[in-house]
Structure formats: C-alpha cells, structure tokens
Amino acid sequence: MKKMILFLIITGVLQWHSVVAQEIDSTLAVSGNVHVLRLQKSYTIGDGLVLRSSVGRVTFNQSLQTLYLINSSNNFNTTNSGFSINRSRLTMKGNLFDRKLTMIMRANFANNYQSSTSGSRAFNSELDEALIQYSANPKHTFNIGLRADYIDSRELRVEGEDLSFIGRSAASQAFDAIFDYGIRYVGKYNINTNQLLKTYLSITTGEGRASLQKNYGGLKYGIRLDYYPLGEFSHGGDAQMEDLERETKPKLVVGGVCSYNDGASSAFGTNGGRFLYGDANGKVLLPSYTKYIFDFMFKFRGFYSLGSVMATTATVPTNITGAYSLAGKFNTYTGLSMHQVDSTVKSNLNLGTGLNIQAGYLLKSNWGLGVRYSQLNCDINSASFANYNRNYSFIVTKYLAGNDLKIQAQFDYFQVRKSLQSSNNTANCNGQLMFCVNL
C-alpha cells in the first residue's frame, strides 16, 4: 500500500508538470541515449499524461465512474438507494523500440470484491493488469502477465470505460473469469483483400487474480477464433460497443471460444483456492471446467448489435473423499456415495448456459439508446448463479466526448426464477445514473 501511495504522489507531480507543459511546451534534456523528453503540449480529453522520447513513450491515464443506484422489488414496497464508485482506475502504458516492447499496469481502487478466503488463499482486489508484451510485427504479438483474458465473451473484448451499458450483462458476470495470469499469443491472418482471421491462444493458471499468490490446480488452456468477413472495423471499433465511428460500410465479426481448466478451484475461475478437495490421503484433487462461447458484433451507420451464447460443463475426479476448509482442515465426506460427491463438487461451480443479446443506436446528436436481454439457465447440480434468470435493460447515454466523457441512465428489470418466486417476490427493478470521465 505504501508503494501504491508513493506511485500516486509521483503521478500527481507528473500531472502538474503536464499542465505547465501545455502552456510552455517544455523540453527536457536527458543523459544517455535519450536526447529529448517532451511533455505533450496540446491536450484532448482521454489522451492522458504522455511522456515522449526518441525511443518510446509512457502514458498515464485516469478513469472515474461515479454511480447512483436505486433498487426495489417489483411491488415497490421496499426501496434502497446509494452512491458508489463503479470504477476508479489508473493505467500506465509504456513502449520502446518502435512499439515492439510494451509494458502495461492498471490498478482499480474502487474494487469492492469481498473475498471469502483467508490466509494464503487470498484475492488481490486492486491490481487489474500487469503485463509485458512483445510485437514481433503487426501480425504477431505475445504477452505474459496478468490481464483480462481473450477467452471470455465478446463483452470482455471491450474495456469497462467503453461499454455502452453501465455494467456487463448477467451472462458475462456468471461465466467470464476476466483477469488471469499467463502467456498469450495474438495473430492476424489475411484470408483475402476483405477478409481477416484473428487467433488468440492462451495458457493461464485458471485461478484469476488469486494466481499471484498460488496456483492450486493445473493450467487453463484456451483458444479464440474471430472471423471478419467484411474487413476490419474502423479505428479499432470492435473494441468499443457503441458505433462511435459510424461505420460507412457494414462490419461484422463472429467468434468462437473453447477453454479447458485442468483443475478449477473456484466457481468459474475468478478466485482460485476457494474450493479445494482431496483423496483419502489428503492429496489435493480438483474438477476440470470446460467453457464454450459463440459470439458476434455488427456495426453500421451508428447502429450496433452484440450477442453471446455460453455453455459450461465439469468433470469431477472419482476418488475425491473430502474437502478442505478455509482454515486448511480436511473434512471427509462421510456416508456420501460417488454420485453425491459428484453433485456436491458441482454445486460449487457455475454450470449451465447463458445468453446475451443487445443492440443500440447512436443519434447524430450523440445521444445513444440501447436495449439488452440476458438469460441464464443453471444445471441441476450447479451453484446458484441464476436466481434472476431473465434480465431486461434499457439505457440512454449522452456522449459529450465519446467514451471519455459521458452520462448514462439505465433501467433494469430482473425476473426471479419461477421456482423461487413468491407473491411478494417476482422481480427486482434497478435505476442507475452514472457519470464517466477518462483523462
């Protein structure tokens, strides 16, 4: 924590110098091979603080999302409201050697994740990304470290600051592990003049950010294939939800994902070490966890549509005889049949299917309108991740400076699963108002 505070102080000093530089276009002499270090003079919101030299550059970006939320049951007898910080991020990105070598580090100080683990089975709640990336050429890139992985749904290809809704869909929240530590490859292959194939290969721990403490199981292997039949999106438009570029020609990407976690120790790969099992000798045994995804994104003249279908399965070792408590004590499953053990282990995993479909249109006045529908179906032995199994959302956004400065108002209707409904509890309603700024 002391190191993080020191880092923020240094960043604040650099930002003060940036303001001065905008007025006087300061140029600093530096010893060694770097002859000139220039602070950016002209500034556009979203640019961040940029330090340039003859061999590379370093960029500091800040993003803040302040949120007001009001929540009520469908009968509006009970209403709750509150203020919160949805995201508060500081990102540092540096590159050298004509951008062949890149380092990225990002912290989110508003992370409110409450880990139920203790001791060495811990969760890093602040660090989002920390990786080193090497680009041999524009078509082949490798990176190693912690980052949002490629082998989640299409929504995870879009940064939180560039979402068209305030939060990700229920399907994404149920199945997308997001952050993980590992090594990855990204390749771009031209099929012909107008068609492109992108490949993403990933080998990670499968433990999420808890992997910074320990890898409890085997490795997680994944592949994503993205096909662009109509050519690439303008200015990286496939990494943003809203069609801010207003594509003059239709653009489409369809993708498929398959991942296999050889030893899952959390519900879907976010908090490794949460659930540990063992054989008769106490040796740790873990279930395997497989995920399949099909998704797409389409854009044309201010209109966009995005959809994902996800499915997960698991296989449980037959020689599991007990589980470890968070305190590290091994508790034997007494009197349980093999089938009951299998069901018990699967009850701690998110197993089933998810669907998300959404669309939006950006008016020429930079007002954006969007609708979203998400559906969840959990297997009979799965963890209870689908208590609200049908979710409807509507959003209105005013883009003042693209995704770097916007105001969003969203309404959500979450329908309770029929088996859990009562006369007083059939749905939940949310109203959200968020202000977003990226410096």
Protein backbone atom coordinates (compact mmCIF):
# COMPACT_ATOMS: atom_id res chain seq x y z
CA MET A 1 0.00 0.00 0.00
CA LYS A 2 2.87 2.42 0.78
CA LYS A 3 4.34 1.74 -2.67
CA MET A 4 0.98 2.46 -4.29
CA ILE A 5 0.64 5.77 -2.39
CA LEU A 6 4.16 6.75 -3.48
CA PHE A 7 3.26 5.88 -7.07
CA LEU A 8 0.18 8.13 -6.90
CA ILE A 9 2.22 11.02 -5.50
CA ILE A 10 4.74 10.72 -8.32
CA THR A 11 1.91 10.59 -10.86
CA GLY A 12 0.36 13.71 -9.35
CA VAL A 13 3.66 15.58 -9.69
CA LEU A 14 3.94 14.48 -13.31
CA GLN A 15 0.41 15.73 -13.98
CA TRP A 16 1.30 19.13 -12.53
CA HIS A 17 4.25 19.28 -14.89
CA SER A 18 1.91 18.31 -17.72
CA VAL A 19 -0.25 21.37 -17.09
CA VAL A 20 2.83 23.57 -17.19
CA ALA A 21 3.97 21.84 -20.36
CA GLN A 22 0.69 22.61 -22.09
CA GLU A 23 1.46 26.30 -21.63
CA ILE A 24 5.21 26.44 -22.34
CA ASP A 25 5.84 23.24 -24.39
CA SER A 26 8.73 22.29 -22.12
CA THR A 27 11.61 20.20 -23.47
CA LEU A 28 13.87 18.35 -21.06
CA ALA A 29 17.44 17.32 -21.75
CA VAL A 30 18.20 13.77 -20.61
CA SER A 31 21.54 11.98 -20.39
CA GLY A 32 22.37 8.74 -22.18
CA ASN A 33 20.82 7.66 -25.45
CA VAL A 34 17.64 9.70 -24.91
CA HIS A 35 18.32 13.21 -26.18
CA VAL A 36 14.91 14.83 -25.81
CA LEU A 37 11.99 14.14 -23.48
CA ARG A 38 8.90 16.18 -24.36
CA LEU A 39 5.70 16.62 -22.37
CA GLN A 40 2.63 16.86 -24.58
CA LYS A 41 1.59 20.46 -25.23
CA SER A 42 -1.86 20.10 -26.79
CA TYR A 43 -4.33 18.03 -24.78
CA THR A 44 -7.56 16.27 -25.72
CA ILE A 45 -9.66 14.58 -23.06
CA GLY A 46 -8.74 10.91 -22.91
CA ASP A 47 -5.13 11.45 -24.02
CA GLY A 48 -3.76 11.14 -20.51
CA LEU A 49 -0.33 12.35 -19.48
CA VAL A 50 2.14 11.48 -22.24
CA LEU A 51 5.92 11.49 -21.93
CA ARG A 52 7.69 11.12 -25.28
CA SER A 53 11.32 10.46 -26.10
CA SER A 54 13.26 9.48 -29.21
CA VAL A 55 12.97 5.77 -28.35
CA GLY A 56 9.50 5.43 -26.86
CA ARG A 57 6.70 6.90 -24.79
CA VAL A 58 4.92 6.46 -21.45
CA THR A 59 1.23 7.27 -20.97
CA PHE A 60 -0.67 7.71 -17.70
CA ASN A 61 -4.49 7.55 -17.88
CA GLN A 62 -7.07 8.04 -15.18
CA SER A 63 -10.72 7.00 -15.37
CA LEU A 64 -13.50 7.59 -12.88
CA GLN A 65 -17.13 6.43 -12.90
CA THR A 66 -19.43 7.77 -10.18
CA LEU A 67 -22.74 5.95 -9.77
CA TYR A 68 -26.11 6.49 -8.12
CA LEU A 69 -28.32 3.40 -7.77
CA ILE A 70 -31.91 2.92 -6.65
CA ASN A 71 -33.25 -0.59 -6.18
CA SER A 72 -36.70 -2.01 -5.44
CA SER A 73 -38.70 -5.21 -5.55
CA ASN A 74 -41.39 -5.40 -8.21
CA ASN A 75 -44.11 -4.25 -5.79
CA PHE A 76 -42.04 -1.19 -4.74
CA ASN A 77 -42.79 -1.81 -1.05
CA THR A 78 -39.08 -1.72 -0.23
CA THR A 79 -36.73 0.72 -1.93
CA ASN A 80 -32.99 1.17 -1.35
CA SER A 81 -30.59 3.68 -2.83
CA GLY A 82 -26.96 4.65 -2.55
CA PHE A 83 -23.90 6.22 -4.11
CA SER A 84 -20.79 4.33 -5.15
CA ILE A 85 -17.67 4.46 -7.30
CA ASN A 86 -18.12 1.98 -10.13
CA ARG A 87 -14.54 2.24 -11.43
CA SER A 88 -11.56 4.33 -10.37
CA ARG A 89 -8.59 3.27 -12.47
CA LEU A 90 -5.04 4.38 -13.02
CA THR A 91 -3.30 2.95 -16.06
CA MET A 92 0.35 3.21 -17.08
CA LYS A 93 1.43 2.10 -20.55
CA GLY A 94 4.95 2.39 -21.89
CA ASN A 95 6.59 1.21 -25.10
CA LEU A 96 10.05 1.09 -26.60
CA PHE A 97 11.75 0.19 -29.88
CA ASP A 98 9.06 1.42 -32.26
CA ARG A 99 6.34 -0.09 -30.04
CA LYS A 100 7.73 -3.60 -30.28
CA LEU A 101 8.05 -3.84 -26.48
CA THR A 102 5.14 -2.67 -24.31
CA MET A 103 4.50 -2.68 -20.57
CA ILE A 104 1.02 -2.16 -19.12
CA MET A 105 -0.01 -1.77 -15.49
CA ARG A 106 -3.50 -0.89 -14.25
CA ALA A 107 -4.98 -0.59 -10.77
CA ASN A 108 -8.64 -0.22 -9.84
CA PHE A 109 -9.06 1.48 -6.48
CA ALA A 110 -12.85 1.11 -6.42
CA ASN A 111 -12.86 -2.68 -6.48
CA ASN A 112 -15.38 -3.76 -3.85
CA TYR A 113 -14.90 -7.51 -4.22
CA GLN A 114 -15.31 -9.23 -0.87
CA SER A 115 -13.19 -12.37 -0.79
CA SER A 116 -14.38 -15.20 1.41
CA THR A 117 -10.92 -16.74 1.51
CA SER A 118 -8.28 -16.24 4.16
CA GLY A 119 -4.59 -16.77 4.75
CA SER A 120 -2.66 -17.89 1.67
CA ARG A 121 -5.93 -18.42 -0.19
CA ALA A 122 -6.15 -14.68 -0.83
CA PHE A 123 -7.52 -12.38 -3.51
CA ASN A 124 -5.79 -9.33 -4.99
CA SER A 125 -8.55 -6.73 -5.19
CA GLU A 126 -6.70 -3.74 -6.67
CA LEU A 127 -4.36 -4.88 -9.44
CA ASP A 128 -6.21 -5.45 -12.73
CA GLU A 129 -3.38 -5.76 -15.22
CA ALA A 130 0.40 -6.10 -15.15
CA LEU A 131 1.97 -7.48 -18.31
CA ILE A 132 4.81 -7.24 -20.78
CA GLN A 133 4.02 -7.50 -24.48
CA TYR A 134 6.26 -8.12 -27.48
CA SER A 135 5.15 -7.46 -31.04
CA ALA A 136 7.43 -9.21 -33.50
CA ASN A 137 5.49 -7.43 -36.25
CA PRO A 138 1.95 -6.04 -36.65
CA LYS A 139 0.58 -9.56 -37.24
CA HIS A 140 2.12 -11.48 -34.32
CA THR A 141 2.06 -10.46 -30.66
CA PHE A 142 2.99 -12.24 -27.43
CA ASN A 143 2.35 -11.14 -23.87
CA ILE A 144 2.94 -12.55 -20.40
CA GLY A 145 1.43 -11.42 -17.13
CA LEU A 146 -1.93 -10.52 -15.60
CA ARG A 147 -4.69 -9.16 -17.81
CA ALA A 148 -8.31 -9.59 -18.92
CA ASP A 149 -8.11 -12.78 -20.94
CA TYR A 150 -9.09 -13.30 -24.58
CA ILE A 151 -11.03 -16.49 -23.93
CA ASP A 152 -14.12 -14.89 -22.39
CA SER A 153 -17.19 -13.49 -24.14
CA ARG A 154 -17.25 -10.63 -26.66
CA GLU A 155 -18.13 -8.19 -23.87
CA LEU A 156 -14.71 -8.80 -22.32
CA ARG A 157 -13.04 -7.63 -25.53
CA VAL A 158 -14.36 -4.17 -24.56
CA GLU A 159 -12.83 -2.18 -21.69
CA GLY A 160 -15.15 -1.16 -18.87
CA GLU A 161 -14.80 2.52 -19.84
CA ASP A 162 -16.04 1.75 -23.39
CA LEU A 163 -19.16 -0.24 -22.51
CA SER A 164 -22.49 1.06 -23.80
CA PHE A 165 -24.20 -0.15 -20.60
CA ILE A 166 -23.25 0.72 -17.02
CA GLY A 167 -22.26 -2.86 -16.21
CA ARG A 168 -21.71 -6.10 -18.07
CA SER A 169 -24.57 -8.48 -18.73
CA ALA A 170 -25.76 -11.16 -16.31
CA ALA A 171 -24.37 -13.82 -18.65
CA SER A 172 -20.93 -12.23 -18.59
CA GLN A 173 -21.00 -11.90 -14.81
CA ALA A 174 -21.93 -15.59 -14.47
CA PHE A 175 -19.27 -17.10 -16.75
CA ASP A 176 -16.50 -14.61 -17.61
CA ALA A 177 -13.43 -15.07 -15.40
CA ILE A 178 -11.90 -11.82 -16.78
CA PHE A 179 -8.44 -11.49 -15.17
CA ASP A 180 -5.84 -14.26 -15.11
CA TYR A 181 -2.07 -14.70 -15.18
CA GLY A 182 -0.41 -16.46 -18.11
CA ILE A 183 1.15 -16.28 -21.55
CA ARG A 184 -0.80 -15.45 -24.70
CA TYR A 185 -0.46 -15.13 -28.46
CA VAL A 186 -2.45 -12.96 -30.87
CA GLY A 187 -2.19 -13.47 -34.64
CA LYS A 188 -3.76 -11.69 -37.63
CA TYR A 189 -4.12 -13.53 -40.93
CA ASN A 190 -5.49 -12.02 -44.13
CA ILE A 191 -7.66 -14.51 -46.00
CA ASN A 192 -8.10 -12.18 -48.96
CA THR A 193 -8.42 -8.45 -49.56
CA ASN A 194 -11.57 -8.01 -47.47
CA GLN A 195 -11.50 -10.92 -45.03
CA LEU A 196 -9.46 -11.39 -41.87
CA LEU A 197 -8.95 -14.09 -39.24
CA LYS A 198 -7.63 -13.31 -35.76
CA THR A 199 -6.42 -16.08 -33.48
CA TYR A 200 -5.95 -15.90 -29.72
CA LEU A 201 -4.12 -18.62 -27.79
CA SER A 202 -3.91 -18.58 -24.00
CA ILE A 203 -2.23 -20.65 -21.30
CA THR A 204 -3.04 -19.33 -17.82
CA THR A 205 -3.34 -20.50 -14.23
CA GLY A 206 -7.15 -20.59 -14.20
CA GLU A 207 -7.07 -19.00 -10.73
CA GLY A 208 -7.90 -15.39 -11.59
CA ARG A 209 -6.03 -12.72 -9.65
CA ALA A 210 -5.55 -15.20 -6.80
CA SER A 211 -2.87 -16.75 -9.03
CA LEU A 212 -0.50 -14.02 -7.82
CA GLN A 213 -0.46 -15.94 -4.53
CA LYS A 214 -0.56 -19.55 -5.70
CA ASN A 215 -1.71 -21.87 -8.48
CA TYR A 216 -3.80 -24.56 -6.79
CA GLY A 217 -4.71 -26.70 -9.79
CA GLY A 218 -3.40 -27.39 -13.26
CA LEU A 219 -3.34 -24.88 -16.11
CA LYS A 220 -6.12 -23.37 -18.15
CA TYR A 221 -5.88 -23.67 -21.95
CA GLY A 222 -7.97 -21.61 -24.33
CA ILE A 223 -8.39 -20.57 -27.95
CA ARG A 224 -10.48 -17.88 -29.63
CA LEU A 225 -11.01 -17.53 -33.39
CA ASP A 226 -12.51 -14.29 -34.75
CA TYR A 227 -13.59 -14.06 -38.38
CA TYR A 228 -14.11 -10.69 -40.11
CA PRO A 229 -15.96 -11.39 -43.39
CA LEU A 230 -16.37 -7.69 -44.24
CA GLY A 231 -12.95 -6.40 -43.23
CA GLU A 232 -11.70 -4.74 -40.04
CA PHE A 233 -13.68 -2.19 -38.09
CA SER A 234 -12.60 1.45 -38.34
CA HIS A 235 -10.12 2.66 -35.71
CA GLY A 236 -10.47 -0.43 -33.54
CA GLY A 237 -14.26 -0.20 -33.45
CA ASP A 238 -14.58 -3.87 -32.48
CA ALA A 239 -13.12 -2.90 -29.07
CA GLN A 240 -15.97 -0.45 -28.40
CA MET A 241 -19.65 -1.24 -28.11
CA GLU A 242 -21.29 1.91 -29.46
CA ASP A 243 -20.67 2.71 -33.13
CA LEU A 244 -18.88 5.98 -32.40
CA GLU A 245 -17.05 5.74 -35.72
CA ARG A 246 -20.37 5.49 -37.62
CA GLU A 247 -19.16 2.77 -39.98
CA THR A 248 -19.94 3.74 -43.58
CA LYS A 249 -19.90 0.08 -44.63
CA PRO A 250 -21.34 -2.88 -42.67
CA LYS A 251 -18.79 -4.51 -40.35
CA LEU A 252 -19.16 -7.92 -38.72
CA VAL A 253 -17.05 -10.19 -36.54
CA VAL A 254 -18.10 -13.67 -35.43
CA GLY A 255 -16.08 -15.62 -32.90
CA GLY A 256 -15.80 -18.94 -31.16
CA VAL A 257 -14.08 -19.80 -27.87
CA CYS A 258 -13.15 -23.01 -26.13
CA SER A 259 -11.30 -23.19 -22.81
CA TYR A 260 -10.35 -26.06 -20.53
CA ASN A 261 -9.30 -25.58 -16.92
CA ASP A 262 -7.43 -28.65 -15.67
CA GLY A 263 -8.21 -28.10 -12.00
CA ALA A 264 -10.83 -25.48 -11.11
CA SER A 265 -10.76 -24.24 -7.52
CA SER A 266 -13.42 -21.51 -7.75
CA ALA A 267 -16.91 -21.14 -9.20
CA PHE A 268 -15.76 -20.03 -12.68
CA GLY A 269 -12.11 -19.05 -12.41
CA THR A 270 -12.15 -15.74 -10.56
CA ASN A 271 -10.88 -16.58 -7.06
CA GLY A 272 -8.56 -19.57 -7.06
CA GLY A 273 -8.30 -21.61 -3.89
CA ARG A 274 -11.89 -21.02 -2.79
CA PHE A 275 -12.82 -24.74 -3.06
CA LEU A 276 -10.19 -27.45 -2.53
CA TYR A 277 -10.86 -31.19 -2.43
CA GLY A 278 -8.69 -34.23 -1.68
CA ASP A 279 -8.38 -38.01 -1.89
CA ALA A 280 -8.12 -40.48 1.01
CA ASN A 281 -4.50 -39.38 1.61
CA GLY A 282 -5.34 -35.68 1.59
CA LYS A 283 -3.79 -35.05 -1.83
CA VAL A 284 -5.50 -32.09 -3.49
CA LEU A 285 -7.86 -33.09 -6.32
CA LEU A 286 -9.87 -30.63 -8.39
CA PRO A 287 -12.58 -30.87 -11.05
CA SER A 288 -11.96 -29.85 -14.65
CA TYR A 289 -14.03 -26.99 -16.07
CA THR A 290 -14.80 -26.50 -19.77
CA LYS A 291 -16.39 -23.45 -21.39
CA TYR A 292 -17.72 -22.86 -24.92
CA ILE A 293 -18.72 -19.49 -26.38
CA PHE A 294 -20.11 -18.26 -29.69
CA ASP A 295 -20.45 -14.50 -30.17
CA PHE A 296 -20.73 -11.73 -32.74
CA MET A 297 -20.64 -7.94 -33.21
CA PHE A 298 -22.19 -5.93 -36.04
CA LYS A 299 -21.95 -2.20 -36.78
CA PHE A 300 -23.28 0.08 -39.49
CA ARG A 301 -24.02 3.83 -39.56
CA GLY A 302 -24.45 4.33 -35.83
CA PHE A 303 -26.21 1.01 -35.18
CA TYR A 304 -24.57 -1.85 -33.32
CA SER A 305 -25.59 -5.31 -32.19
CA LEU A 306 -23.72 -7.75 -29.98
CA GLY A 307 -24.56 -11.23 -28.79
CA SER A 308 -23.07 -14.20 -26.95
CA VAL A 309 -24.09 -17.77 -26.19
CA MET A 310 -22.14 -19.59 -23.45
CA ALA A 311 -22.14 -23.10 -22.02
CA THR A 312 -20.06 -24.75 -19.29
CA THR A 313 -19.51 -28.33 -18.13
CA ALA A 314 -17.35 -30.03 -15.48
CA THR A 315 -15.84 -33.42 -14.76
CA VAL A 316 -15.23 -34.50 -11.15
CA PRO A 317 -12.46 -37.00 -10.18
CA THR A 318 -13.97 -40.21 -8.85
CA ASN A 319 -11.51 -40.53 -5.94
CA ILE A 320 -12.43 -37.34 -4.10
CA THR A 321 -13.20 -38.22 -0.47
CA GLY A 322 -13.39 -34.83 1.23
CA ALA A 323 -12.83 -31.08 1.13
CA TYR A 324 -10.52 -28.55 2.78
CA SER A 325 -11.99 -25.78 4.89
CA LEU A 326 -10.70 -22.22 4.51
CA ALA A 327 -8.67 -22.81 7.66
CA GLY A 328 -6.91 -25.73 5.94
CA LYS A 329 -8.62 -28.62 7.77
CA PHE A 330 -9.50 -31.68 5.65
CA ASN A 331 -13.09 -32.80 6.24
CA THR A 332 -14.04 -36.26 4.97
CA TYR A 333 -17.33 -36.78 3.14
CA THR A 334 -18.87 -39.38 5.46
CA GLY A 335 -21.64 -41.59 4.13
CA LEU A 336 -21.79 -39.98 0.66
CA SER A 337 -22.00 -42.07 -2.47
CA MET A 338 -19.83 -41.33 -5.51
CA HIS A 339 -22.82 -39.68 -7.18
CA GLN A 340 -23.44 -37.48 -4.12
CA VAL A 341 -19.79 -36.40 -4.02
CA ASP A 342 -20.01 -35.54 -7.71
CA SER A 343 -23.12 -33.42 -7.06
CA THR A 344 -21.51 -31.73 -4.04
CA VAL A 345 -18.44 -30.64 -6.00
CA LYS A 346 -20.54 -29.41 -8.93
CA SER A 347 -22.70 -27.38 -6.54
CA ASN A 348 -19.71 -25.02 -6.14
CA LEU A 349 -19.31 -24.43 -9.89
CA ASN A 350 -21.27 -22.22 -12.29
CA LEU A 351 -22.60 -24.84 -14.68
CA GLY A 352 -25.20 -24.25 -17.36
CA THR A 353 -25.85 -21.87 -20.25
CA GLY A 354 -26.10 -18.15 -20.75
CA LEU A 355 -27.44 -15.90 -23.49
CA ASN A 356 -26.91 -12.19 -24.02
CA ILE A 357 -28.20 -10.09 -26.91
CA GLN A 358 -28.08 -6.31 -27.09
CA ALA A 359 -28.37 -3.52 -29.62
CA GLY A 360 -28.09 0.24 -29.73
CA TYR A 361 -28.20 3.28 -31.97
CA LEU A 362 -26.18 6.49 -31.78
CA LEU A 363 -28.09 9.57 -32.96
CA LYS A 364 -26.25 12.32 -34.79
CA SER A 365 -26.79 14.49 -31.71
CA ASN A 366 -24.55 11.99 -29.81
CA TRP A 367 -27.43 10.60 -27.79
CA GLY A 368 -27.23 6.81 -27.59
CA LEU A 369 -30.12 4.40 -26.99
CA GLY A 370 -29.68 0.72 -26.13
CA VAL A 371 -31.61 -2.40 -25.09
CA ARG A 372 -30.33 -5.69 -23.68
CA TYR A 373 -31.74 -9.11 -22.83
CA SER A 374 -29.87 -11.77 -20.86
CA GLN A 375 -30.97 -15.26 -19.89
CA LEU A 376 -29.35 -17.79 -17.55
CA ASN A 377 -30.03 -21.49 -17.13
CA CYS A 378 -28.19 -23.42 -14.44
CA ASP A 379 -27.74 -27.19 -14.32
CA ILE A 380 -29.48 -29.14 -11.58
CA ASN A 381 -26.28 -29.56 -9.54
CA SER A 382 -24.83 -26.11 -10.26
CA ALA A 383 -24.10 -23.26 -7.90
CA SER A 384 -26.99 -20.80 -7.56
CA PHE A 385 -25.87 -18.15 -10.06
CA ALA A 386 -29.22 -17.78 -11.87
CA ASN A 387 -31.68 -16.67 -9.19
CA TYR A 388 -32.55 -13.82 -11.56
CA ASN A 389 -32.64 -15.77 -14.80
CA ARG A 390 -34.18 -13.24 -17.19
CA ASN A 391 -32.82 -9.70 -17.29
CA TYR A 392 -34.02 -6.73 -19.32
CA SER A 393 -32.14 -3.42 -19.56
CA PHE A 394 -32.69 -0.09 -21.29
CA ILE A 395 -30.14 2.73 -21.36
CA VAL A 396 -29.84 6.33 -22.53
CA THR A 397 -26.37 7.86 -22.92
CA LYS A 398 -25.22 11.36 -23.73
CA TYR A 399 -21.73 11.27 -25.24
CA LEU A 400 -20.04 14.62 -24.57
CA ALA A 401 -16.60 13.46 -25.77
CA GLY A 402 -17.07 9.88 -26.89
CA ASN A 403 -16.46 7.32 -24.14
CA ASP A 404 -14.07 9.74 -22.43
CA LEU A 405 -16.87 11.95 -21.14
CA LYS A 406 -20.44 10.66 -20.93
CA ILE A 407 -23.55 10.49 -18.75
CA GLN A 408 -25.65 7.30 -18.63
CA ALA A 409 -29.08 6.49 -17.24
CA GLN A 410 -30.12 2.83 -17.13
CA PHE A 411 -33.20 0.90 -16.05
CA ASP A 412 -33.08 -2.85 -15.31
CA TYR A 413 -35.81 -5.43 -14.71
CA PHE A 414 -34.51 -8.70 -13.24
CA GLN A 415 -37.03 -11.55 -13.20
CA VAL A 416 -36.79 -14.09 -10.39
CA ARG A 417 -36.55 -17.73 -11.43
CA LYS A 418 -40.00 -19.31 -11.32
CA SER A 419 -39.05 -21.91 -8.73
CA LEU A 420 -38.03 -19.09 -6.36
CA GLN A 421 -40.94 -16.72 -6.99
CA SER A 422 -43.48 -15.80 -4.34
CA SER A 423 -46.43 -13.46 -4.23
CA ASN A 424 -44.16 -10.70 -2.92
CA ASN A 425 -41.04 -11.53 -4.91
CA THR A 426 -41.23 -11.99 -8.67
CA ALA A 427 -38.71 -9.42 -9.91
CA ASN A 428 -36.25 -6.70 -8.98
CA CYS A 429 -36.04 -3.23 -10.50
CA ASN A 430 -32.93 -1.06 -10.71
CA GLY A 431 -32.41 2.53 -11.74
CA GLN A 432 -28.83 3.75 -12.28
CA LEU A 433 -27.26 7.09 -13.15
CA MET A 434 -23.52 7.25 -13.90
CA PHE A 435 -21.09 10.00 -14.85
CA CYS A 436 -17.88 8.87 -16.61
CA VAL A 437 -14.65 10.73 -17.29
CA ASN A 438 -11.35 9.48 -18.70
CA LEU A 439 -8.42 11.90 -18.50
